[in-house]
Amino acid sequence: MAHAVLGGLVAVGWLVLPLTRGEGGGRGDGVENGATVTVTRSEGVTAPAAASSEAVGATTGDLVPPLVAAGAAGALAAHTYGRRRRRATTRTTPGGSGNRLIPLPELDLQARQLLVDVDNCVRASAEELGFTAAQAPADAVAPYREALARAEGELRTAFRLRRRLDDTDTAPDGDDRRESLEEIVARCRDAGRRLDAAAPGFDQLRALERETPAAVEGAETRFRELAARTPATEGVLAGLHERYAPTASYPVAGDVEQAKDRLVFATLRLNQARQCADRGEGTKAAASLRAAEAAVAQAGDLLDGVDRRSAELATTAVRLPAALASAETARGAVHGRPPTDRSAEPFPVGGDARLTRAEALLAGVRREMASGPYDPPDALRRVVEAGTLLSEAGAAEVPGLRDYALLSARGALTSATGFIGTHRGAVGSTARTWLAEAERLLGPDSSTLAETRRADALAQEARRLAERDVRAYGTPSGGDAGAGTGGAVLGGILLGDGGGPVSYGGPRTRGRRPTSPA
């Protein structure tokens, strides 16, 4: 700031200097033939009415550099002031003394925790908003939908900033890193405040305390549908184990059991909601009901995940032969091989390494398809990789390569989204950050094969990191709160500190309903 002010003073001095020279020139002092000549105006002589064009041009030219310098100094001062204002939100201690700059490691942890908290708030708010939108008029729901959309926008930007910090190729350091962390904190807090501000009005709209019997009836209807569907989904999962390699069904291997656990929890909470409503304890009834609704919703997500995975594997298995044939045609064209000549020798050793790698990938896929159960999405990814290598090496482009890549990427994204959503009580910020970036890359503006493959890799990494977080977290104990409570904490249905259940709102209001009775 001091440098900017000093620059401004210098610029002002420079601006005044031409005027000072102009006034001095009016005296008519000069040097002629090495001697000082003084010209004195007589009182009866008047000055010319206007300066010559040369003089005007010279004066204007002298003014331009100082004006530019003054403008630059002003812009720098404004930028510096803005940065100082933005930092003010996170520089101080909780007491607001302003005497301590938060260390970067502490600020980093704060940013990570806020990302997790606000992401959980957004997910829970979207879930409960869905229940309300099914019964309330659209215009009544609109303000709360808008508040959620704005919070989601702030959160997406915060996740994108976090990704840049976590990416070793783009990560800033020093003041730039601090500024990015402070912006993450500010955006997360703004998103949370929007949801917190909307929470009281949303409670009036939803009116769980007053409409408990009707809401319980709706939750019980959905509960019965899922309970009746569970055996069929178990059969679907068993079929996946028989038809495909273990890695193909791994993403949904435990989903049916977890769905049963959520339904057990929902049974207890629905019973509690009815009992509390009968006793006139509307607040406690609403808390039990909200927990039951969230558990039923997650049970549905888990069962849907199994059916979705089954459809994905079947679709991929159908499309894989055509993708493999197209890639082999491109491979054969490199050295004039016919597409059907799959017994030919590999590319010569010492040739283009990309061609050799593509040959190995395609041969491996062909061998797995012929030998028994395999993993269709994994095989398709290897075909896409081989096709990419062939294109880079100058072979003919494989038709529909991005569409094949998109099929795998969407499956990976759906898998990661479902896992993080049903285990959000344990998943940290890094997995969520990579998931958000994968979602961005697969958005409406995504158009390139490279972006699609990058999104696929990020989604798979997000799932891997989320599973690591869950293993580190362990299985929370249900304690005295009843069966299924541990799974409800793991799923983010109940707050881990014994509070909750989680409702529409931000970090300050999401646990506003009291803990349900045991």
Protein backbone atom coordinates (compact mmCIF):
# COMPACT_ATOMS: atom_id res chain seq x y z
CA MET A 1 0.00 0.00 0.00
CA ALA A 2 2.85 2.38 0.89
CA HIS A 3 4.49 1.69 -2.46
CA ALA A 4 1.26 2.54 -4.27
CA VAL A 5 0.88 5.84 -2.38
CA LEU A 6 4.51 6.75 -3.06
CA GLY A 7 3.99 5.97 -6.74
CA GLY A 8 0.94 8.22 -6.77
CA LEU A 9 2.89 11.11 -5.24
CA VAL A 10 5.65 10.70 -7.78
CA ALA A 11 3.10 10.71 -10.58
CA VAL A 12 1.47 13.88 -9.24
CA GLY A 13 4.86 15.56 -9.03
CA TRP A 14 5.55 14.56 -12.59
CA LEU A 15 2.16 15.95 -13.56
CA VAL A 16 2.90 19.35 -11.99
CA LEU A 17 6.42 19.59 -13.40
CA PRO A 18 5.39 20.61 -16.95
CA LEU A 19 3.20 23.35 -15.54
CA THR A 20 6.10 24.66 -13.45
CA ARG A 21 8.32 24.72 -16.51
CA GLY A 22 5.64 26.57 -18.41
CA GLU A 23 5.43 29.27 -15.77
CA GLY A 24 9.20 29.64 -15.68
CA GLY A 25 9.30 30.01 -19.47
CA GLY A 26 7.04 33.04 -19.22
CA ARG A 27 9.87 35.04 -17.71
CA GLY A 28 11.72 34.90 -20.98
CA ASP A 29 15.04 33.87 -19.45
CA GLY A 30 17.34 31.99 -21.81
CA VAL A 31 20.87 31.52 -23.08
CA GLU A 32 22.13 32.95 -26.30
CA ASN A 33 25.70 32.59 -27.65
CA GLY A 34 26.88 31.38 -24.24
CA ALA A 35 25.64 34.51 -22.40
CA THR A 36 22.67 34.91 -20.21
CA VAL A 37 20.01 37.04 -21.80
CA THR A 38 17.22 38.54 -19.75
CA VAL A 39 14.18 39.88 -21.48
CA THR A 40 11.94 42.14 -19.44
CA ARG A 41 8.35 42.76 -20.50
CA SER A 42 7.37 46.36 -20.57
CA GLU A 43 4.16 47.31 -18.84
CA GLY A 44 2.52 48.43 -22.01
CA VAL A 45 3.03 45.19 -23.93
CA THR A 46 0.36 42.47 -23.74
CA ALA A 47 0.98 38.71 -24.18
CA PRO A 48 -0.27 36.83 -27.23
CA ALA A 49 -3.87 35.59 -26.98
CA ALA A 50 -3.00 31.90 -27.63
CA ALA A 51 0.02 29.64 -27.55
CA SER A 52 1.43 28.22 -30.74
CA SER A 53 0.38 24.69 -31.85
CA GLU A 54 3.89 23.45 -31.20
CA ALA A 55 3.71 24.62 -27.61
CA VAL A 56 0.31 23.04 -27.06
CA GLY A 57 1.51 19.76 -28.50
CA ALA A 58 4.59 19.79 -26.32
CA THR A 59 2.57 20.49 -23.20
CA THR A 60 0.04 17.74 -23.99
CA GLY A 61 2.81 15.26 -24.64
CA ASP A 62 4.37 16.10 -21.32
CA LEU A 63 1.08 15.41 -19.53
CA VAL A 64 0.45 11.89 -20.95
CA PRO A 65 3.15 9.91 -19.07
CA PRO A 66 2.25 11.39 -15.65
CA LEU A 67 -1.44 10.65 -16.23
CA VAL A 68 -0.67 7.05 -17.15
CA ALA A 69 1.56 6.66 -14.10
CA ALA A 70 -1.09 8.16 -11.83
CA GLY A 71 -3.74 5.80 -13.21
CA ALA A 72 -1.50 2.77 -12.76
CA ALA A 73 -0.68 3.78 -9.20
CA GLY A 74 -4.37 4.22 -8.43
CA ALA A 75 -5.22 0.81 -9.87
CA LEU A 76 -2.43 -0.80 -7.84
CA ALA A 77 -3.65 0.91 -4.70
CA ALA A 78 -7.22 -0.27 -5.30
CA HIS A 79 -6.04 -3.85 -5.96
CA THR A 80 -3.90 -3.88 -2.82
CA TYR A 81 -6.73 -2.48 -0.73
CA GLY A 82 -9.12 -5.11 -2.08
CA ARG A 83 -6.71 -7.93 -1.23
CA ARG A 84 -6.31 -6.59 2.29
CA ARG A 85 -10.08 -6.44 2.72
CA ARG A 86 -10.51 -10.02 1.51
CA ARG A 87 -7.82 -11.26 3.86
CA ALA A 88 -9.45 -9.54 6.81
CA THR A 89 -12.04 -12.30 7.09
CA THR A 90 -9.46 -14.99 7.88
CA ARG A 91 -6.43 -13.15 9.23
CA THR A 92 -7.70 -12.62 12.72
CA THR A 93 -8.22 -14.78 15.74
CA PRO A 94 -11.74 -15.89 16.69
CA GLY A 95 -11.86 -12.94 19.07
CA GLY A 96 -11.41 -10.57 16.17
CA SER A 97 -8.35 -8.81 17.59
CA GLY A 98 -6.70 -8.65 14.16
CA ASN A 99 -3.27 -9.19 15.73
CA ARG A 100 -2.54 -12.67 14.42
CA LEU A 101 -2.19 -13.90 10.88
CA ILE A 102 -3.57 -17.42 10.60
CA PRO A 103 -0.70 -19.77 9.65
CA LEU A 104 -1.06 -21.34 6.23
CA PRO A 105 -1.36 -24.93 7.53
CA GLU A 106 -4.17 -23.89 9.87
CA LEU A 107 -5.90 -21.93 7.11
CA ASP A 108 -5.55 -24.94 4.80
CA LEU A 109 -7.23 -27.23 7.34
CA GLN A 110 -9.99 -24.67 7.84
CA ALA A 111 -10.63 -24.52 4.11
CA ARG A 112 -10.74 -28.32 3.81
CA GLN A 113 -13.18 -28.70 6.70
CA LEU A 114 -15.46 -26.00 5.34
CA LEU A 115 -15.54 -27.72 1.95
CA VAL A 116 -16.65 -30.96 3.60
CA ASP A 117 -19.23 -29.28 5.86
CA VAL A 118 -20.81 -27.16 3.15
CA ASP A 119 -20.82 -30.03 0.65
CA ASN A 120 -22.70 -32.13 3.21
CA CYS A 121 -25.13 -29.26 3.76
CA VAL A 122 -25.77 -28.93 0.04
CA ARG A 123 -26.37 -32.67 -0.35
CA ALA A 124 -28.74 -32.88 2.61
CA SER A 125 -30.56 -29.71 1.55
CA ALA A 126 -31.08 -31.03 -1.98
CA GLU A 127 -32.44 -34.26 -0.55
CA GLU A 128 -34.98 -32.62 1.76
CA LEU A 129 -35.91 -30.07 -0.89
CA GLY A 130 -36.85 -33.00 -3.12
CA PHE A 131 -39.31 -34.26 -0.50
CA THR A 132 -40.86 -30.82 -0.20
CA ALA A 133 -41.04 -30.15 -3.94
CA ALA A 134 -43.15 -33.29 -4.38
CA GLN A 135 -45.92 -31.81 -2.20
CA ALA A 136 -45.61 -28.00 -2.15
CA PRO A 137 -46.45 -25.57 -4.99
CA ALA A 138 -43.57 -24.74 -7.30
CA ASP A 139 -43.67 -21.00 -6.54
CA ALA A 140 -43.47 -21.69 -2.81
CA VAL A 141 -40.41 -23.89 -3.28
CA ALA A 142 -38.66 -21.52 -5.71
CA PRO A 143 -36.85 -19.30 -3.12
CA TYR A 144 -35.32 -22.33 -1.43
CA ARG A 145 -34.36 -23.88 -4.72
CA GLU A 146 -32.66 -20.61 -5.66
CA ALA A 147 -30.80 -20.43 -2.34
CA LEU A 148 -29.57 -23.98 -2.90
CA ALA A 149 -28.51 -23.21 -6.48
CA ARG A 150 -26.50 -20.18 -5.36
CA ALA A 151 -24.84 -22.21 -2.61
CA GLU A 152 -23.98 -24.91 -5.15
CA GLY A 153 -22.42 -22.29 -7.43
CA GLU A 154 -20.21 -20.93 -4.65
CA LEU A 155 -19.23 -24.47 -3.69
CA ARG A 156 -18.29 -25.40 -7.26
CA THR A 157 -16.00 -22.39 -7.48
CA ALA A 158 -14.46 -23.24 -4.12
CA PHE A 159 -13.80 -26.81 -5.22
CA ARG A 160 -12.16 -25.57 -8.41
CA LEU A 161 -9.85 -23.33 -6.40
CA ARG A 162 -9.04 -26.28 -4.14
CA ARG A 163 -8.20 -28.42 -7.15
CA ARG A 164 -5.67 -25.85 -8.34
CA LEU A 165 -4.08 -25.84 -4.91
CA ASP A 166 -3.89 -29.65 -4.82
CA ASP A 167 -2.55 -29.95 -8.37
CA THR A 168 1.26 -29.86 -8.25
CA ASP A 169 1.39 -28.35 -11.74
CA THR A 170 -0.79 -25.34 -10.93
CA ALA A 171 -0.43 -24.92 -7.16
CA PRO A 172 0.56 -21.35 -6.18
CA ASP A 173 2.62 -20.54 -3.12
CA GLY A 174 3.17 -17.67 -0.73
CA ASP A 175 0.64 -14.84 -0.84
CA ASP A 176 -1.14 -16.31 -3.86
CA ARG A 177 -1.77 -19.55 -1.98
CA ARG A 178 -3.05 -17.64 1.02
CA GLU A 179 -5.35 -15.59 -1.16
CA SER A 180 -6.78 -18.75 -2.78
CA LEU A 181 -7.37 -20.37 0.61
CA GLU A 182 -9.06 -17.23 1.89
CA GLU A 183 -11.33 -17.17 -1.13
CA ILE A 184 -12.28 -20.81 -0.54
CA VAL A 185 -13.15 -19.98 3.05
CA ALA A 186 -15.13 -16.90 2.01
CA ARG A 187 -17.11 -18.74 -0.66
CA CYS A 188 -17.91 -21.67 1.61
CA ARG A 189 -19.08 -19.33 4.34
CA ASP A 190 -21.22 -17.42 1.89
CA ALA A 191 -22.80 -20.66 0.65
CA GLY A 192 -23.48 -21.74 4.22
CA ARG A 193 -24.99 -18.37 5.12
CA ARG A 194 -27.39 -18.57 2.19
CA LEU A 195 -28.70 -21.93 3.36
CA ASP A 196 -28.79 -20.84 7.00
CA ALA A 197 -30.83 -17.77 6.08
CA ALA A 198 -33.33 -19.89 4.13
CA ALA A 199 -33.74 -22.56 6.83
CA PRO A 200 -36.43 -20.85 9.00
CA GLY A 201 -38.67 -20.16 6.04
CA PHE A 202 -38.14 -23.68 4.75
CA ASP A 203 -39.27 -25.12 8.09
CA GLN A 204 -42.46 -23.09 7.83
CA LEU A 205 -43.05 -24.41 4.32
CA ARG A 206 -42.33 -28.04 5.16
CA ALA A 207 -44.07 -27.93 8.55
CA LEU A 208 -42.87 -31.35 9.68
CA GLU A 209 -43.92 -30.59 13.24
CA ARG A 210 -47.52 -30.00 12.12
CA GLU A 211 -47.75 -32.49 9.25
CA THR A 212 -46.00 -35.45 10.85
CA PRO A 213 -48.71 -38.11 10.26
CA ALA A 214 -48.97 -37.40 6.53
CA ALA A 215 -45.18 -37.26 6.10
CA VAL A 216 -44.75 -40.50 8.06
CA GLU A 217 -47.29 -42.16 5.80
CA GLY A 218 -45.35 -41.10 2.72
CA ALA A 219 -42.03 -42.32 4.15
CA GLU A 220 -43.56 -45.65 5.14
CA THR A 221 -44.93 -46.16 1.64
CA ARG A 222 -41.50 -45.63 0.15
CA PHE A 223 -39.98 -47.88 2.85
CA ARG A 224 -42.32 -50.74 1.95
CA GLU A 225 -41.47 -50.40 -1.75
CA LEU A 226 -37.74 -50.68 -1.04
CA ALA A 227 -38.15 -53.55 1.42
CA ALA A 228 -40.10 -55.53 -1.19
CA ARG A 229 -37.52 -54.75 -3.84
CA THR A 230 -34.46 -55.77 -1.83
CA PRO A 231 -34.59 -59.54 -2.57
CA ALA A 232 -34.75 -58.89 -6.31
CA THR A 233 -31.76 -56.59 -6.11
CA GLU A 234 -29.87 -59.30 -4.21
CA GLY A 235 -30.56 -61.58 -7.17
CA VAL A 236 -29.23 -58.96 -9.59
CA LEU A 237 -26.03 -58.68 -7.57
CA ALA A 238 -25.59 -62.46 -7.50
CA GLY A 239 -25.95 -62.51 -11.28
CA LEU A 240 -23.21 -59.91 -11.64
CA HIS A 241 -20.87 -62.10 -9.60
CA GLU A 242 -21.53 -65.01 -11.96
CA ARG A 243 -21.31 -63.22 -15.30
CA TYR A 244 -18.41 -60.84 -14.79
CA ALA A 245 -15.00 -60.64 -13.17
CA PRO A 246 -15.00 -59.65 -9.47
CA THR A 247 -13.70 -56.16 -10.29
CA ALA A 248 -16.80 -55.49 -12.40
CA SER A 249 -19.24 -55.87 -9.50
CA TYR A 250 -16.87 -54.60 -6.80
CA PRO A 251 -18.25 -51.00 -6.77
CA VAL A 252 -21.67 -52.29 -5.60
CA ALA A 253 -20.60 -55.42 -3.72
CA GLY A 254 -21.81 -54.23 -0.32
CA ASP A 255 -24.68 -52.00 -1.39
CA VAL A 256 -27.54 -54.38 -0.65
CA GLU A 257 -26.33 -55.02 2.89
CA GLN A 258 -25.92 -51.32 3.50
CA ALA A 259 -29.40 -50.69 2.13
CA LYS A 260 -30.79 -53.21 4.62
CA ASP A 261 -28.94 -51.44 7.42
CA ARG A 262 -30.47 -48.08 6.44
CA LEU A 263 -33.93 -49.66 6.29
CA VAL A 264 -33.54 -51.10 9.80
CA PHE A 265 -32.61 -47.65 11.05
CA ALA A 266 -35.58 -46.16 9.19
CA THR A 267 -37.96 -48.67 10.80
CA LEU A 268 -36.94 -47.60 14.29
CA ARG A 269 -37.15 -43.90 13.49
CA LEU A 270 -40.53 -44.17 11.81
CA ASN A 271 -41.89 -45.93 14.89
CA GLN A 272 -40.42 -43.21 17.11
CA ALA A 273 -41.97 -40.53 14.92
CA ARG A 274 -45.45 -42.04 15.28
CA GLN A 275 -45.06 -42.46 19.04
CA CYS A 276 -43.87 -38.90 19.54
CA ALA A 277 -46.67 -37.54 17.34
CA ASP A 278 -49.25 -39.47 19.38
CA ARG A 279 -47.84 -37.90 22.57
CA GLY A 280 -47.99 -34.44 21.04
CA GLU A 281 -44.19 -34.08 20.91
CA GLY A 282 -44.05 -32.49 17.48
CA THR A 283 -40.41 -31.42 17.60
CA LYS A 284 -39.13 -34.88 18.50
CA ALA A 285 -41.45 -36.46 15.98
CA ALA A 286 -40.05 -34.21 13.25
CA ALA A 287 -36.49 -35.14 14.20
CA SER A 288 -37.21 -38.87 14.03
CA LEU A 289 -39.09 -38.47 10.78
CA ARG A 290 -36.31 -36.49 9.12
CA ALA A 291 -33.76 -39.17 10.05
CA ALA A 292 -36.05 -41.88 8.69
CA GLU A 293 -36.58 -40.01 5.41
CA ALA A 294 -32.84 -39.64 4.87
CA ALA A 295 -32.24 -43.33 5.64
CA VAL A 296 -34.96 -44.42 3.21
CA ALA A 297 -33.51 -42.14 0.53
CA GLN A 298 -30.03 -43.62 0.96
CA ALA A 299 -31.39 -47.16 0.89
CA GLY A 300 -33.02 -46.31 -2.43
CA ASP A 301 -29.75 -44.87 -3.75
CA LEU A 302 -27.87 -48.02 -2.77
CA LEU A 303 -30.35 -50.36 -4.43
CA ASP A 304 -30.51 -48.13 -7.50
CA GLY A 305 -26.73 -48.34 -7.69
CA VAL A 306 -26.83 -52.11 -8.09
CA ASP A 307 -29.42 -51.98 -10.88
CA ARG A 308 -27.57 -49.15 -12.59
CA ARG A 309 -24.29 -51.06 -12.47
CA SER A 310 -25.96 -54.11 -13.97
CA ALA A 311 -27.31 -52.05 -16.88
CA GLU A 312 -23.95 -50.35 -17.37
CA LEU A 313 -22.07 -53.65 -17.53
CA ALA A 314 -24.56 -55.09 -20.01
CA THR A 315 -24.41 -52.03 -22.27
CA THR A 316 -20.63 -51.94 -22.20
CA ALA A 317 -20.36 -55.66 -22.96
CA VAL A 318 -22.57 -55.16 -26.03
CA ARG A 319 -20.58 -52.20 -27.35
CA LEU A 320 -17.13 -53.56 -26.59
CA PRO A 321 -16.76 -55.89 -29.64
CA ALA A 322 -17.46 -53.04 -32.08
CA ALA A 323 -14.98 -50.78 -30.29
CA LEU A 324 -12.34 -53.50 -30.35
CA ALA A 325 -12.91 -54.20 -34.06
CA SER A 326 -12.56 -50.51 -34.92
CA ALA A 327 -9.33 -50.23 -32.98
CA GLU A 328 -7.92 -53.37 -34.58
CA THR A 329 -8.78 -52.01 -38.02
CA ALA A 330 -6.80 -48.88 -37.24
CA ARG A 331 -3.96 -50.98 -35.90
CA GLY A 332 -3.86 -53.19 -38.98
CA ALA A 333 -3.79 -50.18 -41.29
CA VAL A 334 -0.46 -49.06 -39.85
CA HIS A 335 1.45 -51.83 -41.64
CA GLY A 336 -1.15 -52.85 -44.19
CA ARG A 337 -2.50 -55.78 -42.19
CA PRO A 338 -6.04 -56.91 -42.92
CA PRO A 339 -8.43 -56.32 -39.99
CA THR A 340 -9.02 -60.06 -39.61
CA ASP A 341 -5.32 -60.90 -39.29
CA ARG A 342 -5.20 -60.95 -35.48
CA SER A 343 -2.63 -63.74 -35.36
CA ALA A 344 0.05 -61.60 -36.97
CA GLU A 345 3.19 -60.82 -35.08
CA PRO A 346 3.20 -57.71 -32.87
CA PHE A 347 4.76 -54.52 -34.13
CA PRO A 348 8.52 -54.79 -34.46
CA VAL A 349 10.56 -54.22 -31.35
CA GLY A 350 12.29 -50.86 -31.53
CA GLY A 351 9.45 -49.20 -33.45
CA ASP A 352 7.10 -46.57 -32.11
CA ALA A 353 6.48 -47.42 -28.45
CA ARG A 354 2.90 -46.17 -28.74
CA LEU A 355 2.15 -48.75 -31.41
CA THR A 356 3.71 -51.50 -29.32
CA ARG A 357 1.66 -50.45 -26.29
CA ALA A 358 -1.55 -50.32 -28.35
CA GLU A 359 -0.86 -53.79 -29.72
CA ALA A 360 -0.43 -55.19 -26.21
CA LEU A 361 -3.62 -53.54 -24.95
CA LEU A 362 -5.78 -54.85 -27.75
CA ALA A 363 -4.32 -58.34 -27.55
CA GLY A 364 -5.01 -58.42 -23.80
CA VAL A 365 -8.63 -57.37 -24.25
CA ARG A 366 -9.18 -59.95 -27.00
CA ARG A 367 -7.66 -62.66 -24.81
CA GLU A 368 -9.83 -61.79 -21.77
CA MET A 369 -13.02 -61.74 -23.81
CA ALA A 370 -12.28 -65.21 -25.13
CA SER A 371 -11.17 -66.78 -21.86
CA GLY A 372 -14.15 -66.19 -19.54
CA PRO A 373 -15.70 -63.60 -17.20
CA TYR A 374 -14.09 -60.19 -17.56
CA ASP A 375 -14.64 -56.55 -16.60
CA PRO A 376 -16.32 -54.75 -19.56
CA PRO A 377 -15.69 -51.14 -18.43
CA ASP A 378 -12.03 -51.87 -17.73
CA ALA A 379 -11.66 -53.59 -21.11
CA LEU A 380 -13.32 -50.65 -22.87
CA ARG A 381 -10.95 -48.20 -21.20
CA ARG A 382 -8.00 -50.16 -22.54
CA VAL A 383 -9.49 -50.13 -26.04
CA VAL A 384 -9.93 -46.35 -25.79
CA GLU A 385 -6.33 -46.00 -24.61
CA ALA A 386 -5.13 -48.14 -27.51
CA GLY A 387 -7.16 -46.10 -29.98
CA THR A 388 -5.71 -42.88 -28.58
CA LEU A 389 -2.16 -44.22 -28.91
CA LEU A 390 -2.82 -45.31 -32.49
CA SER A 391 -4.14 -41.87 -33.40
CA GLU A 392 -1.13 -40.19 -31.80
CA ALA A 393 1.19 -42.48 -33.74
CA GLY A 394 -0.38 -41.50 -37.06
CA ALA A 395 -2.81 -44.37 -37.60
CA ALA A 396 -6.37 -43.81 -38.74
CA GLU A 397 -8.63 -42.39 -36.04
CA VAL A 398 -10.88 -44.95 -34.37
CA PRO A 399 -14.54 -44.01 -35.05
CA GLY A 400 -16.65 -43.18 -31.99
CA LEU A 401 -13.70 -43.23 -29.62
CA ARG A 402 -15.00 -40.36 -27.47
CA ASP A 403 -18.41 -42.01 -27.18
CA TYR A 404 -16.77 -45.15 -25.85
CA ALA A 405 -14.71 -43.07 -23.44
CA LEU A 406 -17.85 -41.21 -22.34
CA LEU A 407 -19.59 -44.47 -21.51
CA SER A 408 -16.83 -45.46 -19.10
CA ALA A 409 -16.43 -41.97 -17.66
CA ARG A 410 -20.12 -41.57 -16.84
CA GLY A 411 -20.15 -44.93 -15.14
CA ALA A 412 -17.14 -43.99 -13.01
CA LEU A 413 -18.68 -40.63 -12.14
CA THR A 414 -21.98 -42.19 -11.11
CA SER A 415 -20.18 -44.76 -9.00
CA ALA A 416 -18.07 -42.15 -7.19
CA THR A 417 -21.05 -39.85 -6.67
CA GLY A 418 -23.14 -42.62 -5.15
CA PHE A 419 -20.40 -43.85 -2.85
CA ILE A 420 -19.51 -40.40 -1.54
CA GLY A 421 -23.16 -39.52 -1.05
CA THR A 422 -23.93 -42.61 1.01
CA HIS A 423 -20.67 -42.40 3.00
CA ARG A 424 -20.34 -38.63 3.33
CA GLY A 425 -19.96 -38.77 7.08
CA ALA A 426 -16.43 -40.13 6.56
CA VAL A 427 -15.25 -38.77 3.20
CA GLY A 428 -12.72 -35.92 3.21
CA SER A 429 -12.19 -32.93 0.97
CA THR A 430 -9.75 -34.40 -1.56
CA ALA A 431 -12.11 -37.07 -2.87
CA ARG A 432 -14.89 -34.49 -3.14
CA THR A 433 -12.56 -32.10 -4.97
CA TRP A 434 -11.65 -34.63 -7.64
CA LEU A 435 -15.31 -35.61 -7.98
CA ALA A 436 -16.29 -31.96 -8.52
CA GLU A 437 -13.59 -31.59 -11.19
CA ALA A 438 -14.76 -34.77 -12.95
CA GLU A 439 -18.31 -33.39 -12.96
CA ARG A 440 -17.06 -30.13 -14.48
CA LEU A 441 -15.13 -31.91 -17.22
CA LEU A 442 -18.17 -34.01 -18.13
CA GLY A 443 -20.47 -30.98 -18.15
CA PRO A 444 -22.27 -29.50 -21.17
CA ASP A 445 -19.11 -27.78 -22.42
CA SER A 446 -17.07 -30.98 -22.51
CA SER A 447 -16.17 -31.88 -26.08
CA THR A 448 -12.75 -33.47 -26.33
CA LEU A 449 -11.57 -37.02 -25.86
CA ALA A 450 -8.79 -35.83 -23.56
CA GLU A 451 -11.26 -34.11 -21.22
CA THR A 452 -13.46 -37.19 -21.13
CA ARG A 453 -10.58 -39.50 -20.31
CA ARG A 454 -9.33 -37.06 -17.68
CA ALA A 455 -12.78 -36.99 -16.08
CA ASP A 456 -12.86 -40.79 -16.05
CA ALA A 457 -9.50 -40.95 -14.28
CA LEU A 458 -10.51 -38.28 -11.75
CA ALA A 459 -13.79 -40.04 -10.95
CA GLN A 460 -11.99 -43.32 -10.37
CA GLU A 461 -9.45 -41.56 -8.15
CA ALA A 462 -12.25 -39.85 -6.22
CA ARG A 463 -13.84 -43.22 -5.53
CA ARG A 464 -10.49 -44.70 -4.44
CA LEU A 465 -9.77 -41.80 -2.08
CA ALA A 466 -13.28 -41.94 -0.65
CA GLU A 467 -12.91 -45.65 0.09
CA ARG A 468 -9.59 -44.94 1.79
CA ASP A 469 -11.27 -42.30 3.98
CA VAL A 470 -14.03 -44.73 4.94
CA ARG A 471 -11.52 -47.43 5.89
CA ALA A 472 -9.63 -44.94 8.04
CA TYR A 473 -12.87 -43.76 9.65
CA GLY A 474 -13.97 -47.28 10.52
CA THR A 475 -17.50 -48.36 11.35
CA PRO A 476 -19.01 -45.96 13.89
CA SER A 477 -20.71 -47.57 16.85
CA GLY A 478 -24.44 -47.25 17.20
CA GLY A 479 -24.15 -47.03 20.98
CA ASP A 480 -27.51 -46.83 22.73
CA ALA A 481 -29.23 -45.08 19.85
CA GLY A 482 -30.49 -48.28 18.23
CA ALA A 483 -29.66 -50.57 15.32
CA GLY A 484 -28.40 -48.95 12.17
CA THR A 485 -27.23 -45.76 13.88
CA GLY A 486 -23.59 -46.41 13.03
CA GLY A 487 -24.46 -46.63 9.36
CA ALA A 488 -26.56 -43.46 9.66
CA VAL A 489 -23.56 -41.58 11.04
CA LEU A 490 -21.36 -42.99 8.27
CA GLY A 491 -23.93 -41.88 5.71
CA GLY A 492 -24.13 -38.37 7.14
CA ILE A 493 -27.77 -38.81 8.16
CA LEU A 494 -26.87 -38.08 11.78
CA LEU A 495 -24.11 -35.72 12.86
CA GLY A 496 -21.13 -37.57 14.25
CA ASP A 497 -21.15 -35.65 17.54
CA GLY A 498 -24.51 -37.08 18.57
CA GLY A 499 -26.49 -34.23 17.05
CA GLY A 500 -28.76 -34.19 14.11
CA PRO A 501 -30.50 -35.40 12.10
CA VAL A 502 -29.21 -33.28 9.25
CA SER A 503 -31.82 -31.02 7.64
CA TYR A 504 -32.05 -28.34 4.96
CA GLY A 505 -29.70 -25.55 5.96
CA GLY A 506 -26.10 -24.45 6.36
CA PRO A 507 -23.49 -25.37 8.98
CA ARG A 508 -25.24 -23.35 11.71
CA THR A 509 -28.75 -24.70 11.13
CA ARG A 510 -28.39 -28.19 9.62
CA GLY A 511 -28.53 -29.86 13.07
CA ARG A 512 -31.21 -27.59 14.50
CA ARG A 513 -33.61 -30.41 15.26
CA PRO A 514 -32.85 -32.14 18.58
CA THR A 515 -31.49 -35.66 18.72
CA SER A 516 -34.20 -38.24 18.34
CA PRO A 517 -35.00 -40.32 21.40
CA ALA A 518 -33.46 -43.76 21.72
